[in-house]
N, C-alpha and C. Protein backbone atom coordinates (compact mmCIF):
# COMPACT_ATOMS: atom_id res chain seq x y z
N MET A 1 0.90 -1.24 -0.04
CA MET A 1 -0.03 -0.01 0.06
C MET A 1 0.87 1.27 -0.05
N TRP A 2 1.82 1.36 0.97
CA TRP A 2 2.56 2.54 1.12
C TRP A 2 3.55 2.69 -0.19
N LYS A 3 3.90 1.59 -0.80
CA LYS A 3 4.77 1.70 -1.94
C LYS A 3 3.98 2.31 -3.15
N ILE A 4 2.76 1.92 -3.27
CA ILE A 4 1.91 2.50 -4.27
C ILE A 4 1.81 3.95 -4.01
N TRP A 5 1.51 4.43 -2.79
CA TRP A 5 1.30 5.84 -2.56
C TRP A 5 2.69 6.64 -2.77
N VAL A 6 3.76 6.08 -2.54
CA VAL A 6 5.00 6.57 -2.93
C VAL A 6 5.16 6.86 -4.41
N ARG A 7 4.72 5.85 -5.21
CA ARG A 7 4.70 6.13 -6.59
C ARG A 7 3.68 7.07 -7.09
N ARG A 8 2.60 7.08 -6.51
CA ARG A 8 1.48 8.11 -6.75
C ARG A 8 2.14 9.54 -6.52
N LEU A 9 2.67 9.70 -5.31
CA LEU A 9 3.20 11.04 -5.03
C LEU A 9 4.32 11.44 -6.00
N LEU A 10 5.17 10.43 -6.36
CA LEU A 10 6.33 10.69 -7.34
C LEU A 10 5.65 11.13 -8.64
N MET A 11 4.65 10.56 -9.20
CA MET A 11 3.99 10.90 -10.39
C MET A 11 3.34 12.30 -10.25
N LEU A 12 2.75 12.57 -9.05
CA LEU A 12 2.18 13.87 -8.82
C LEU A 12 3.25 14.96 -8.84
N LEU A 13 4.39 14.63 -8.22
CA LEU A 13 5.48 15.65 -8.22
C LEU A 13 6.00 15.88 -9.61
N ILE A 14 6.15 14.85 -10.47
CA ILE A 14 6.42 15.00 -11.85
C ILE A 14 5.48 15.95 -12.53
N GLY A 15 4.20 15.66 -12.35
CA GLY A 15 3.16 16.50 -12.91
C GLY A 15 3.21 17.97 -12.45
N VAL A 16 3.43 18.20 -11.19
CA VAL A 16 3.56 19.63 -10.75
C VAL A 16 4.79 20.33 -11.33
N ALA A 17 5.94 19.60 -11.31
CA ALA A 17 7.18 20.18 -11.90
C ALA A 17 6.98 20.46 -13.42
N VAL A 18 6.26 19.55 -14.06
CA VAL A 18 6.10 19.84 -15.57
C VAL A 18 5.19 20.98 -15.78
N THR A 19 4.09 21.03 -15.00
CA THR A 19 3.15 22.12 -15.10
C THR A 19 3.70 23.46 -14.88
N GLU A 20 4.46 23.60 -13.82
CA GLU A 20 5.01 24.89 -13.40
C GLU A 20 6.21 25.24 -14.37
N PHE A 21 6.93 24.26 -14.89
CA PHE A 21 7.94 24.64 -15.96
C PHE A 21 7.22 25.30 -17.06
N GLY A 22 6.10 24.75 -17.50
CA GLY A 22 5.39 25.43 -18.70
C GLY A 22 4.81 26.80 -18.31
N SER A 23 4.26 26.71 -17.13
CA SER A 23 3.66 28.08 -16.66
C SER A 23 4.53 29.21 -16.56
N GLN A 24 5.66 28.94 -15.90
CA GLN A 24 6.73 30.02 -15.70
C GLN A 24 7.44 30.35 -17.03
N LEU A 25 7.60 29.35 -17.90
CA LEU A 25 8.25 29.68 -19.21
C LEU A 25 7.18 30.68 -19.93
N PHE A 26 5.88 30.42 -19.85
CA PHE A 26 4.80 31.19 -20.32
C PHE A 26 4.92 32.60 -19.83
N VAL A 27 5.04 32.76 -18.61
CA VAL A 27 5.12 34.13 -17.90
C VAL A 27 6.37 34.90 -18.32
N SER A 28 7.47 34.09 -18.42
CA SER A 28 8.71 34.81 -18.78
C SER A 28 8.77 35.43 -20.25
N LEU A 29 7.79 34.96 -21.09
CA LEU A 29 7.74 35.46 -22.45
C LEU A 29 7.14 36.81 -22.54
N ALA A 30 6.48 37.29 -21.42
CA ALA A 30 5.94 38.57 -21.39
C ALA A 30 4.86 38.84 -22.46
N VAL A 31 4.07 37.84 -22.71
CA VAL A 31 2.96 38.06 -23.60
C VAL A 31 1.66 38.09 -22.94
N GLY A 32 1.66 38.30 -21.71
CA GLY A 32 0.54 38.18 -20.68
C GLY A 32 0.60 36.91 -19.95
N ALA A 33 0.50 36.92 -18.70
CA ALA A 33 0.54 35.72 -17.82
C ALA A 33 -0.46 34.58 -18.22
N ASP A 34 -0.28 33.39 -17.91
CA ASP A 34 -1.27 32.37 -18.12
C ASP A 34 -2.34 32.57 -17.09
N THR A 35 -3.40 31.81 -17.12
CA THR A 35 -4.61 32.06 -16.44
C THR A 35 -4.47 32.16 -15.01
N PHE A 36 -3.78 31.13 -14.44
CA PHE A 36 -3.64 31.04 -12.98
C PHE A 36 -2.65 32.13 -12.48
N MET A 37 -1.54 32.38 -13.38
CA MET A 37 -0.54 33.40 -12.92
C MET A 37 -1.12 34.78 -13.04
N VAL A 38 -2.11 35.14 -13.85
CA VAL A 38 -2.71 36.30 -13.85
C VAL A 38 -3.24 36.71 -12.45
N LEU A 39 -3.84 35.71 -11.81
CA LEU A 39 -4.38 35.89 -10.34
C LEU A 39 -3.34 35.93 -9.42
N ILE A 40 -2.25 35.10 -9.60
CA ILE A 40 -1.04 35.12 -8.79
C ILE A 40 -0.24 36.40 -8.84
N GLN A 41 -0.15 36.96 -10.03
CA GLN A 41 0.49 38.24 -10.21
C GLN A 41 -0.30 39.31 -9.41
N GLY A 42 -1.65 39.36 -9.68
CA GLY A 42 -2.39 40.38 -9.03
C GLY A 42 -2.32 40.26 -7.55
N LEU A 43 -2.35 39.04 -6.95
CA LEU A 43 -2.32 38.95 -5.52
C LEU A 43 -0.91 39.31 -4.96
N SER A 44 0.12 38.98 -5.70
CA SER A 44 1.42 39.30 -5.32
C SER A 44 1.71 40.78 -5.37
N ARG A 45 1.15 41.50 -6.30
CA ARG A 45 1.31 42.95 -6.40
C ARG A 45 0.52 43.69 -5.27
N ARG A 46 -0.67 43.04 -4.97
CA ARG A 46 -1.49 43.74 -3.96
C ARG A 46 -0.84 43.38 -2.54
N THR A 47 -0.18 42.33 -2.27
CA THR A 47 0.18 41.92 -0.97
C THR A 47 1.69 42.01 -0.69
N GLY A 48 2.45 42.02 -1.84
CA GLY A 48 3.93 41.91 -1.63
C GLY A 48 4.44 40.67 -1.37
N LEU A 49 3.65 39.51 -1.55
CA LEU A 49 4.12 38.17 -1.48
C LEU A 49 4.82 37.80 -2.80
N SER A 50 5.69 36.84 -2.60
CA SER A 50 6.36 36.28 -3.87
C SER A 50 5.43 35.53 -4.65
N TYR A 51 5.72 35.21 -5.91
CA TYR A 51 4.81 34.28 -6.70
C TYR A 51 4.54 33.00 -5.90
N GLY A 52 5.62 32.42 -5.50
CA GLY A 52 5.44 31.15 -4.76
C GLY A 52 4.57 31.25 -3.53
N GLN A 53 4.72 32.33 -2.74
CA GLN A 53 3.97 32.45 -1.61
C GLN A 53 2.42 32.70 -1.97
N ALA A 54 2.28 33.59 -2.96
CA ALA A 54 0.84 33.84 -3.43
C ALA A 54 0.26 32.61 -3.94
N SER A 55 0.94 31.72 -4.66
CA SER A 55 0.50 30.42 -5.12
C SER A 55 0.12 29.66 -3.98
N THR A 56 0.90 29.55 -3.01
CA THR A 56 0.46 28.69 -1.84
C THR A 56 -0.74 29.19 -1.18
N ALA A 57 -0.96 30.51 -1.06
CA ALA A 57 -2.11 31.17 -0.45
C ALA A 57 -3.31 30.73 -1.27
N MET A 58 -3.24 30.86 -2.56
CA MET A 58 -4.50 30.45 -3.45
C MET A 58 -4.71 28.96 -3.29
N MET A 59 -3.73 28.13 -3.38
CA MET A 59 -3.87 26.72 -3.15
C MET A 59 -4.60 26.44 -1.80
N LEU A 60 -4.30 27.05 -0.81
CA LEU A 60 -5.05 26.87 0.48
C LEU A 60 -6.44 27.31 0.40
N LEU A 61 -6.73 28.45 -0.38
CA LEU A 61 -8.11 28.82 -0.52
C LEU A 61 -8.95 27.80 -1.33
N CYS A 62 -8.32 27.33 -2.36
CA CYS A 62 -8.96 26.24 -3.21
C CYS A 62 -9.20 25.02 -2.43
N LEU A 63 -8.26 24.68 -1.55
CA LEU A 63 -8.47 23.51 -0.78
C LEU A 63 -9.61 23.68 0.20
N LEU A 64 -9.81 24.82 0.80
CA LEU A 64 -11.01 25.02 1.66
C LEU A 64 -12.24 24.84 0.90
N ILE A 65 -12.23 25.40 -0.23
CA ILE A 65 -13.47 25.30 -1.17
C ILE A 65 -13.81 23.77 -1.35
N ILE A 66 -12.73 23.01 -1.70
CA ILE A 66 -13.00 21.58 -1.95
C ILE A 66 -13.42 20.85 -0.65
N PHE A 67 -12.78 21.24 0.46
CA PHE A 67 -13.11 20.65 1.81
C PHE A 67 -14.63 20.81 2.08
N PHE A 68 -15.14 21.96 1.92
CA PHE A 68 -16.46 22.29 2.26
C PHE A 68 -17.56 21.83 1.10
N TRP A 69 -16.93 21.60 0.00
CA TRP A 69 -17.85 21.24 -1.21
C TRP A 69 -17.93 19.70 -1.32
N ASN A 70 -16.74 18.96 -1.34
CA ASN A 70 -16.76 17.62 -1.41
C ASN A 70 -15.38 17.07 -0.99
N ARG A 71 -15.22 16.81 0.22
CA ARG A 71 -13.87 16.62 0.80
C ARG A 71 -13.28 15.08 0.30
N LYS A 72 -14.08 14.39 -0.37
CA LYS A 72 -13.64 13.05 -0.79
C LYS A 72 -12.59 13.15 -1.91
N TYR A 73 -12.50 14.28 -2.51
CA TYR A 73 -11.50 14.56 -3.47
C TYR A 73 -10.13 14.99 -2.91
N ILE A 74 -10.11 15.10 -1.63
CA ILE A 74 -8.77 15.62 -0.99
C ILE A 74 -8.02 14.29 -0.62
N TYR A 75 -6.79 14.17 -1.15
CA TYR A 75 -5.93 13.06 -0.90
C TYR A 75 -4.59 13.67 -0.35
N PRO A 76 -3.69 12.78 0.14
CA PRO A 76 -2.46 13.29 0.64
C PRO A 76 -1.68 14.17 -0.32
N GLY A 77 -1.73 13.89 -1.57
CA GLY A 77 -1.07 14.79 -2.55
C GLY A 77 -1.57 16.17 -2.65
N THR A 78 -2.88 16.31 -2.44
CA THR A 78 -3.46 17.74 -2.38
C THR A 78 -2.73 18.52 -1.35
N ILE A 79 -2.47 18.01 -0.27
CA ILE A 79 -1.76 18.77 0.82
C ILE A 79 -0.22 18.90 0.36
N PHE A 80 0.32 17.87 -0.10
CA PHE A 80 1.65 17.81 -0.56
C PHE A 80 1.87 18.89 -1.61
N CYS A 81 0.92 19.11 -2.49
CA CYS A 81 1.20 20.16 -3.48
C CYS A 81 1.23 21.56 -2.91
N ILE A 82 0.56 21.77 -1.83
CA ILE A 82 0.48 23.14 -1.21
C ILE A 82 1.89 23.44 -0.76
N PHE A 83 2.59 22.60 -0.30
CA PHE A 83 3.88 22.97 0.24
C PHE A 83 5.13 22.83 -0.68
N CYS A 84 4.86 22.01 -1.76
CA CYS A 84 5.87 21.95 -2.76
C CYS A 84 5.81 22.86 -3.88
N LEU A 85 4.53 23.45 -4.12
CA LEU A 85 4.33 24.25 -5.33
C LEU A 85 5.08 25.59 -5.26
N GLY A 86 5.02 26.22 -4.09
CA GLY A 86 5.58 27.54 -3.91
C GLY A 86 7.07 27.62 -4.29
N PRO A 87 7.90 26.76 -3.66
CA PRO A 87 9.35 26.71 -3.99
C PRO A 87 9.64 26.41 -5.51
N ILE A 88 8.79 25.53 -6.11
CA ILE A 88 8.97 25.11 -7.48
C ILE A 88 8.72 26.43 -8.37
N VAL A 89 7.57 27.10 -8.04
CA VAL A 89 7.26 28.36 -8.78
C VAL A 89 8.36 29.38 -8.75
N ASP A 90 8.83 29.56 -7.51
CA ASP A 90 10.03 30.59 -7.36
C ASP A 90 11.19 30.31 -8.03
N PHE A 91 11.47 28.94 -8.02
CA PHE A 91 12.69 28.43 -8.68
C PHE A 91 12.60 28.68 -10.24
N TYR A 92 11.56 28.22 -10.85
CA TYR A 92 11.31 28.38 -12.25
C TYR A 92 11.21 29.97 -12.67
N ALA A 93 10.56 30.69 -11.83
CA ALA A 93 10.48 32.20 -12.17
C ALA A 93 11.92 32.79 -12.21
N GLY A 94 12.75 32.41 -11.29
CA GLY A 94 14.10 32.93 -11.32
C GLY A 94 14.87 32.39 -12.50
N LEU A 95 14.78 31.08 -12.73
CA LEU A 95 15.49 30.46 -13.86
C LEU A 95 15.06 31.08 -15.21
N PHE A 96 13.76 31.08 -15.52
CA PHE A 96 13.44 31.67 -16.80
C PHE A 96 13.65 33.17 -16.90
N GLY A 97 13.55 33.85 -15.84
CA GLY A 97 13.94 35.29 -15.80
C GLY A 97 15.33 35.57 -16.25
N TRP A 98 16.15 34.58 -15.88
CA TRP A 98 17.59 34.68 -16.32
C TRP A 98 17.95 34.16 -17.71
N ILE A 99 17.39 33.11 -18.17
CA ILE A 99 17.75 32.43 -19.42
C ILE A 99 16.96 32.83 -20.56
N VAL A 100 15.71 33.34 -20.42
CA VAL A 100 14.83 33.67 -21.65
C VAL A 100 15.24 35.10 -22.07
N PRO A 101 15.69 35.29 -23.22
CA PRO A 101 15.95 36.61 -23.67
C PRO A 101 14.87 37.49 -23.94
N THR A 102 15.05 38.76 -23.46
CA THR A 102 13.81 39.68 -23.56
C THR A 102 13.55 40.18 -24.98
N VAL A 103 14.64 40.09 -25.85
CA VAL A 103 14.47 40.42 -27.28
C VAL A 103 14.67 39.17 -28.07
N ARG A 104 13.69 38.79 -28.84
CA ARG A 104 13.75 37.49 -29.58
C ARG A 104 12.80 37.64 -30.82
N PRO A 105 13.08 36.82 -31.83
CA PRO A 105 12.23 36.86 -33.09
C PRO A 105 10.81 36.45 -32.77
N LEU A 106 9.92 37.08 -33.44
CA LEU A 106 8.52 36.76 -33.26
C LEU A 106 8.16 35.24 -33.45
N PRO A 107 8.80 34.56 -34.46
CA PRO A 107 8.49 33.14 -34.64
C PRO A 107 8.90 32.34 -33.43
N LEU A 108 10.09 32.72 -32.86
CA LEU A 108 10.43 31.98 -31.58
C LEU A 108 9.47 32.17 -30.55
N THR A 109 8.87 33.36 -30.32
CA THR A 109 8.01 33.64 -29.25
C THR A 109 6.75 32.84 -29.51
N ILE A 110 6.28 32.78 -30.68
CA ILE A 110 5.06 31.92 -31.03
C ILE A 110 5.31 30.47 -30.64
N VAL A 111 6.45 29.99 -31.08
CA VAL A 111 6.83 28.55 -30.80
C VAL A 111 6.83 28.38 -29.32
N LEU A 112 7.44 29.18 -28.54
CA LEU A 112 7.60 29.02 -27.10
C LEU A 112 6.24 29.14 -26.29
N VAL A 113 5.38 30.08 -26.85
CA VAL A 113 3.95 30.09 -26.27
C VAL A 113 3.33 28.82 -26.50
N ALA A 114 3.33 28.26 -27.76
CA ALA A 114 2.67 27.00 -27.92
C ALA A 114 3.22 25.86 -27.13
N LEU A 115 4.58 25.85 -27.09
CA LEU A 115 5.28 24.82 -26.24
C LEU A 115 4.92 24.83 -24.80
N SER A 116 4.81 26.09 -24.20
CA SER A 116 4.54 26.24 -22.84
C SER A 116 3.12 25.80 -22.59
N CYS A 117 2.13 26.17 -23.35
CA CYS A 117 0.78 25.74 -23.17
C CYS A 117 0.59 24.13 -23.29
N THR A 118 1.38 23.59 -24.25
CA THR A 118 1.38 22.07 -24.28
C THR A 118 1.92 21.50 -23.07
N ILE A 119 3.04 22.02 -22.55
CA ILE A 119 3.66 21.46 -21.29
C ILE A 119 2.69 21.58 -20.15
N VAL A 120 2.02 22.71 -19.95
CA VAL A 120 1.11 22.89 -18.89
C VAL A 120 0.00 21.86 -18.96
N SER A 121 -0.57 21.62 -20.10
CA SER A 121 -1.59 20.68 -20.24
C SER A 121 -1.13 19.24 -19.99
N ILE A 122 0.07 18.91 -20.41
CA ILE A 122 0.58 17.55 -20.02
C ILE A 122 0.78 17.42 -18.61
N GLY A 123 1.40 18.46 -17.95
CA GLY A 123 1.61 18.46 -16.54
C GLY A 123 0.49 18.26 -15.67
N VAL A 124 -0.64 19.03 -16.04
CA VAL A 124 -1.94 18.83 -15.27
C VAL A 124 -2.43 17.43 -15.44
N GLY A 125 -2.43 16.92 -16.70
CA GLY A 125 -2.86 15.59 -16.98
C GLY A 125 -2.21 14.53 -16.09
N ILE A 126 -0.86 14.67 -16.00
CA ILE A 126 -0.07 13.80 -15.18
C ILE A 126 -0.44 13.84 -13.74
N SER A 127 -0.62 15.06 -13.22
CA SER A 127 -1.00 15.27 -11.84
C SER A 127 -2.38 14.61 -11.56
N VAL A 128 -3.38 14.88 -12.35
CA VAL A 128 -4.67 14.32 -12.19
C VAL A 128 -4.62 12.78 -12.24
N GLN A 129 -3.94 12.22 -13.20
CA GLN A 129 -3.91 10.73 -13.31
C GLN A 129 -3.15 10.12 -12.25
N SER A 130 -2.33 10.84 -11.56
CA SER A 130 -1.59 10.21 -10.42
C SER A 130 -2.54 9.62 -9.35
N LYS A 131 -3.77 10.08 -9.34
CA LYS A 131 -4.79 9.73 -8.37
C LYS A 131 -4.32 9.91 -6.92
N ALA A 132 -3.38 10.81 -6.82
CA ALA A 132 -2.86 11.22 -5.36
C ALA A 132 -3.48 12.50 -4.92
N GLY A 133 -4.25 13.11 -5.72
CA GLY A 133 -4.80 14.41 -5.33
C GLY A 133 -4.06 15.48 -6.00
N ALA A 134 -4.47 16.02 -7.10
CA ALA A 134 -3.74 16.95 -7.80
C ALA A 134 -3.76 18.39 -7.08
N CYS A 135 -3.04 19.35 -7.55
CA CYS A 135 -3.05 20.72 -6.97
C CYS A 135 -4.56 21.14 -6.84
N SER A 136 -4.84 21.71 -5.80
CA SER A 136 -6.31 22.10 -5.46
C SER A 136 -6.96 23.01 -6.58
N ASN A 137 -6.12 23.88 -7.20
CA ASN A 137 -6.61 24.77 -8.12
C ASN A 137 -6.91 24.08 -9.41
N ASP A 138 -6.18 23.01 -9.67
CA ASP A 138 -6.45 22.16 -10.88
C ASP A 138 -7.60 21.11 -10.69
N LEU A 139 -7.83 20.74 -9.38
CA LEU A 139 -8.79 19.76 -9.10
C LEU A 139 -10.24 20.30 -9.31
N ILE A 140 -10.52 21.60 -9.05
CA ILE A 140 -11.84 21.97 -9.03
C ILE A 140 -12.62 21.89 -10.41
N PRO A 141 -12.05 22.19 -11.58
CA PRO A 141 -12.73 21.84 -12.82
C PRO A 141 -12.87 20.37 -13.13
N VAL A 142 -11.97 19.53 -12.48
CA VAL A 142 -12.13 18.08 -12.58
C VAL A 142 -13.30 17.63 -11.83
N ILE A 143 -13.49 18.21 -10.64
CA ILE A 143 -14.64 17.83 -9.80
C ILE A 143 -15.90 18.28 -10.36
N LEU A 144 -16.03 19.53 -11.01
CA LEU A 144 -17.12 20.00 -11.76
C LEU A 144 -17.53 19.13 -12.90
N HIS A 145 -16.46 18.58 -13.62
CA HIS A 145 -16.79 17.71 -14.82
C HIS A 145 -17.36 16.37 -14.21
N GLU A 146 -16.77 15.82 -13.16
CA GLU A 146 -17.27 14.59 -12.66
C GLU A 146 -18.64 14.63 -11.97
N GLN A 147 -19.00 15.81 -11.33
CA GLN A 147 -20.30 15.92 -10.77
C GLN A 147 -21.32 16.36 -11.74
N PHE A 148 -20.86 16.99 -12.75
CA PHE A 148 -21.91 17.43 -13.87
C PHE A 148 -21.29 16.91 -15.21
N PRO A 149 -21.51 15.58 -15.49
CA PRO A 149 -20.86 15.04 -16.62
C PRO A 149 -21.21 15.70 -18.01
N ALA A 150 -22.43 16.36 -18.03
CA ALA A 150 -22.76 17.08 -19.34
C ALA A 150 -21.77 18.17 -19.58
N LEU A 151 -21.09 18.73 -18.59
CA LEU A 151 -20.16 19.74 -18.69
C LEU A 151 -18.76 19.13 -19.07
N GLN A 152 -18.39 19.18 -20.21
CA GLN A 152 -17.09 18.57 -20.59
C GLN A 152 -15.87 19.16 -19.87
N LEU A 153 -14.88 18.39 -19.69
CA LEU A 153 -13.69 18.85 -18.86
C LEU A 153 -13.18 20.09 -19.56
N ARG A 154 -13.07 20.15 -20.75
CA ARG A 154 -12.47 21.31 -21.39
C ARG A 154 -13.22 22.58 -21.08
N TRP A 155 -14.58 22.51 -20.98
CA TRP A 155 -15.40 23.68 -20.70
C TRP A 155 -15.28 24.01 -19.28
N ALA A 156 -15.20 23.07 -18.43
CA ALA A 156 -15.15 23.24 -16.99
C ALA A 156 -13.76 24.04 -16.74
N ARG A 157 -12.80 23.63 -17.35
CA ARG A 157 -11.43 24.16 -17.18
C ARG A 157 -11.33 25.62 -17.68
N MET A 158 -12.06 25.82 -18.90
CA MET A 158 -12.08 27.15 -19.53
C MET A 158 -12.82 28.06 -18.57
N LEU A 159 -13.92 27.69 -17.98
CA LEU A 159 -14.80 28.51 -17.17
C LEU A 159 -13.94 28.87 -15.89
N TRP A 160 -13.26 27.91 -15.32
CA TRP A 160 -12.47 28.16 -14.14
C TRP A 160 -11.33 29.10 -14.46
N ASP A 161 -10.72 28.92 -15.66
CA ASP A 161 -9.51 29.83 -16.17
C ASP A 161 -10.10 31.24 -16.31
N ALA A 162 -11.29 31.33 -16.84
CA ALA A 162 -11.86 32.65 -17.04
C ALA A 162 -12.06 33.37 -15.71
N LEU A 163 -12.47 32.72 -14.63
CA LEU A 163 -12.65 33.31 -13.33
C LEU A 163 -11.29 33.73 -12.82
N PHE A 164 -10.17 32.94 -12.98
CA PHE A 164 -8.89 33.38 -12.65
C PHE A 164 -8.48 34.63 -13.26
N ILE A 165 -8.85 34.73 -14.60
CA ILE A 165 -8.44 35.99 -15.41
C ILE A 165 -9.12 37.26 -14.82
N ILE A 166 -10.50 37.09 -14.62
CA ILE A 166 -11.15 38.18 -14.18
C ILE A 166 -10.67 38.67 -12.80
N CYS A 167 -10.53 37.75 -11.88
CA CYS A 167 -10.10 38.17 -10.54
C CYS A 167 -8.66 38.73 -10.54
N GLY A 168 -7.82 38.01 -11.32
CA GLY A 168 -6.40 38.55 -11.46
C GLY A 168 -6.37 39.86 -12.05
N PHE A 169 -7.11 40.12 -13.03
CA PHE A 169 -6.97 41.50 -13.80
C PHE A 169 -7.64 42.55 -12.75
N LEU A 170 -8.62 42.26 -11.94
CA LEU A 170 -9.10 43.17 -11.00
C LEU A 170 -8.05 43.54 -9.89
N LEU A 171 -7.26 42.52 -9.56
CA LEU A 171 -6.12 42.75 -8.56
C LEU A 171 -4.85 43.34 -9.24
N GLY A 172 -4.79 43.53 -10.54
CA GLY A 172 -3.65 44.19 -11.17
C GLY A 172 -2.69 43.11 -11.85
N GLY A 173 -3.15 41.95 -12.24
CA GLY A 173 -2.42 41.02 -12.98
C GLY A 173 -2.28 41.48 -14.48
N THR A 174 -1.31 40.85 -15.08
CA THR A 174 -1.05 41.38 -16.54
C THR A 174 -1.76 40.31 -17.57
N ILE A 175 -2.57 40.90 -18.34
CA ILE A 175 -3.30 40.18 -19.39
C ILE A 175 -2.79 40.57 -20.71
N GLY A 176 -2.63 39.59 -21.56
CA GLY A 176 -2.10 39.93 -22.98
C GLY A 176 -2.61 38.90 -23.85
N ILE A 177 -2.03 38.92 -25.14
CA ILE A 177 -2.62 37.96 -26.09
C ILE A 177 -2.33 36.54 -25.67
N GLY A 178 -1.21 36.27 -24.90
CA GLY A 178 -0.91 34.99 -24.37
C GLY A 178 -1.88 34.46 -23.43
N THR A 179 -2.52 35.41 -22.72
CA THR A 179 -3.52 35.04 -21.74
C THR A 179 -4.78 34.45 -22.42
N VAL A 180 -5.12 35.09 -23.57
CA VAL A 180 -6.21 34.61 -24.35
C VAL A 180 -5.99 33.23 -25.00
N ILE A 181 -4.70 33.02 -25.52
CA ILE A 181 -4.19 31.77 -25.94
C ILE A 181 -4.41 30.74 -24.91
N ALA A 182 -3.85 30.99 -23.67
CA ALA A 182 -3.86 29.93 -22.65
C ALA A 182 -5.35 29.63 -22.34
N LEU A 183 -6.17 30.57 -22.18
CA LEU A 183 -7.65 30.28 -21.86
C LEU A 183 -8.28 29.40 -22.99
N THR A 184 -7.90 29.54 -24.17
CA THR A 184 -8.50 28.76 -25.27
C THR A 184 -7.86 27.41 -25.46
N VAL A 185 -6.61 27.21 -24.86
CA VAL A 185 -5.77 26.01 -25.18
C VAL A 185 -5.85 25.07 -24.00
N TYR A 186 -5.74 25.60 -22.70
CA TYR A 186 -5.59 24.75 -21.49
C TYR A 186 -6.62 23.76 -21.41
N GLY A 187 -7.78 24.07 -21.52
CA GLY A 187 -8.89 23.17 -21.34
C GLY A 187 -8.93 22.01 -22.39
N PRO A 188 -8.97 22.40 -23.63
CA PRO A 188 -8.89 21.27 -24.66
C PRO A 188 -7.57 20.53 -24.61
N GLY A 189 -6.50 21.17 -24.11
CA GLY A 189 -5.30 20.43 -24.00
C GLY A 189 -5.33 19.34 -22.92
N LEU A 190 -5.91 19.81 -21.75
CA LEU A 190 -6.10 18.89 -20.63
C LEU A 190 -6.93 17.70 -21.05
N GLN A 191 -8.04 17.91 -21.72
CA GLN A 191 -8.94 16.84 -22.08
C GLN A 191 -8.23 15.90 -23.13
N PHE A 192 -7.32 16.50 -23.96
CA PHE A 192 -6.65 15.65 -24.93
C PHE A 192 -5.52 14.79 -24.26
N PHE A 193 -4.70 15.42 -23.33
CA PHE A 193 -3.63 14.82 -22.75
C PHE A 193 -3.96 13.90 -21.55
N LEU A 194 -5.12 14.02 -20.90
CA LEU A 194 -5.36 13.31 -19.74
C LEU A 194 -5.32 11.79 -19.98
N PRO A 195 -5.91 11.26 -21.10
CA PRO A 195 -5.75 9.89 -21.32
C PRO A 195 -4.28 9.36 -21.56
N ALA A 196 -3.52 10.22 -22.23
CA ALA A 196 -2.11 9.86 -22.50
C ALA A 196 -1.28 9.78 -21.27
N ALA A 197 -1.68 10.52 -20.13
CA ALA A 197 -1.02 10.50 -18.90
C ALA A 197 -1.17 8.95 -18.31
N ASN A 198 -2.05 8.28 -18.72
CA ASN A 198 -2.27 6.90 -18.19
C ASN A 198 -1.03 6.01 -18.49
N ARG A 199 -0.36 6.39 -19.56
CA ARG A 199 0.81 5.67 -19.85
C ARG A 199 1.90 5.70 -18.75
N LEU A 200 2.07 6.96 -18.29
CA LEU A 200 3.03 7.09 -17.03
C LEU A 200 2.54 6.28 -15.83
N ALA A 201 1.22 6.39 -15.64
CA ALA A 201 0.65 5.64 -14.50
C ALA A 201 0.87 4.14 -14.68
N ARG A 202 0.73 3.70 -15.91
CA ARG A 202 0.96 2.16 -16.19
C ARG A 202 2.49 1.87 -15.96
N ALA A 203 3.29 2.80 -16.43
CA ALA A 203 4.71 2.51 -16.34
C ALA A 203 5.12 2.51 -14.79
N LEU A 204 4.44 3.16 -13.87
CA LEU A 204 4.72 3.19 -12.48
C LEU A 204 3.88 2.09 -11.78
N ARG A 205 3.23 1.24 -12.62
CA ARG A 205 2.38 0.17 -12.09
C ARG A 205 1.34 0.61 -11.09
N LEU A 206 0.69 1.68 -11.31
CA LEU A 206 -0.34 2.21 -10.45
C LEU A 206 -1.66 1.64 -10.77
N PRO A 207 -2.42 1.19 -9.84
CA PRO A 207 -3.85 0.77 -10.16
C PRO A 207 -4.72 2.01 -10.58
N ALA A 208 -5.79 1.63 -11.27
CA ALA A 208 -6.68 2.72 -11.93
C ALA A 208 -7.30 3.58 -10.96
N SER A 209 -7.59 3.14 -9.74
CA SER A 209 -8.34 3.97 -8.72
C SER A 209 -7.27 4.18 -7.59
N ALA A 210 -7.55 5.34 -6.75
CA ALA A 210 -6.81 5.53 -5.56
C ALA A 210 -6.93 4.48 -4.57
N GLU A 211 -5.89 4.17 -3.86
CA GLU A 211 -6.03 3.10 -2.70
C GLU A 211 -5.65 3.83 -1.40
C-alpha cells in the first residue's frame, strides 16, 4: 500500500514540476501571464508576497473550497502540492527570468508560447492521473466535470480559467494575447492529454483507482 502511494506522489510531483515549468516559461515570455498566474501576479502585487507565496495562499483557498464542497477529493497529494508548489514556482520564475532573452524573433515567441501551453496541459494531466490528489486549483474543474458530466472537462477548465483571469485582472495582474491563448488551449489540451497520462501511470504500475 505505502509503496503505491510513494509512486503516486512521485507521479504527482512530476506533474507539478512539468506544469510549473510550462507556466513559468509562459510568464517569462511577457505576452501576458497564463490564466492562474494572472491571479497570482495580481495577488502578489497587492500583498507583496512572492509568486510562490501567493500560489501557496491560493492553493489553500482552493483546498478550503474543496473541503466544504466535497472533501472526498482531498488526498495526501493535495496537501503535498500546497507545500511543494511555492518553491517550484519561485525556482522556475528565477530560472526563466535569467535564461529567456527579452528580445527575440516573433516566430520563436510563437513557438515558445505553443510549447509552454502544451507542457502545462501535459503536466496537469499527469497530476490528475496520479490519483494522489492534484493541486487544489487544478482539481476544481475536474470535480465540476465529474459531478456534472454534461459539462465537458475542457469547458469546466475554461470557465475556471476565465474566473482566474477576471479576478487577477481586478487585482492588477497582466493580461495579454498570451492569456487569451492559454484560456483557449488549456482546457482542450487537458482533455486531450489526460488519457495519454495513463501511460506514465501504467509505467509506475499504479492501479486505476486511488487506494
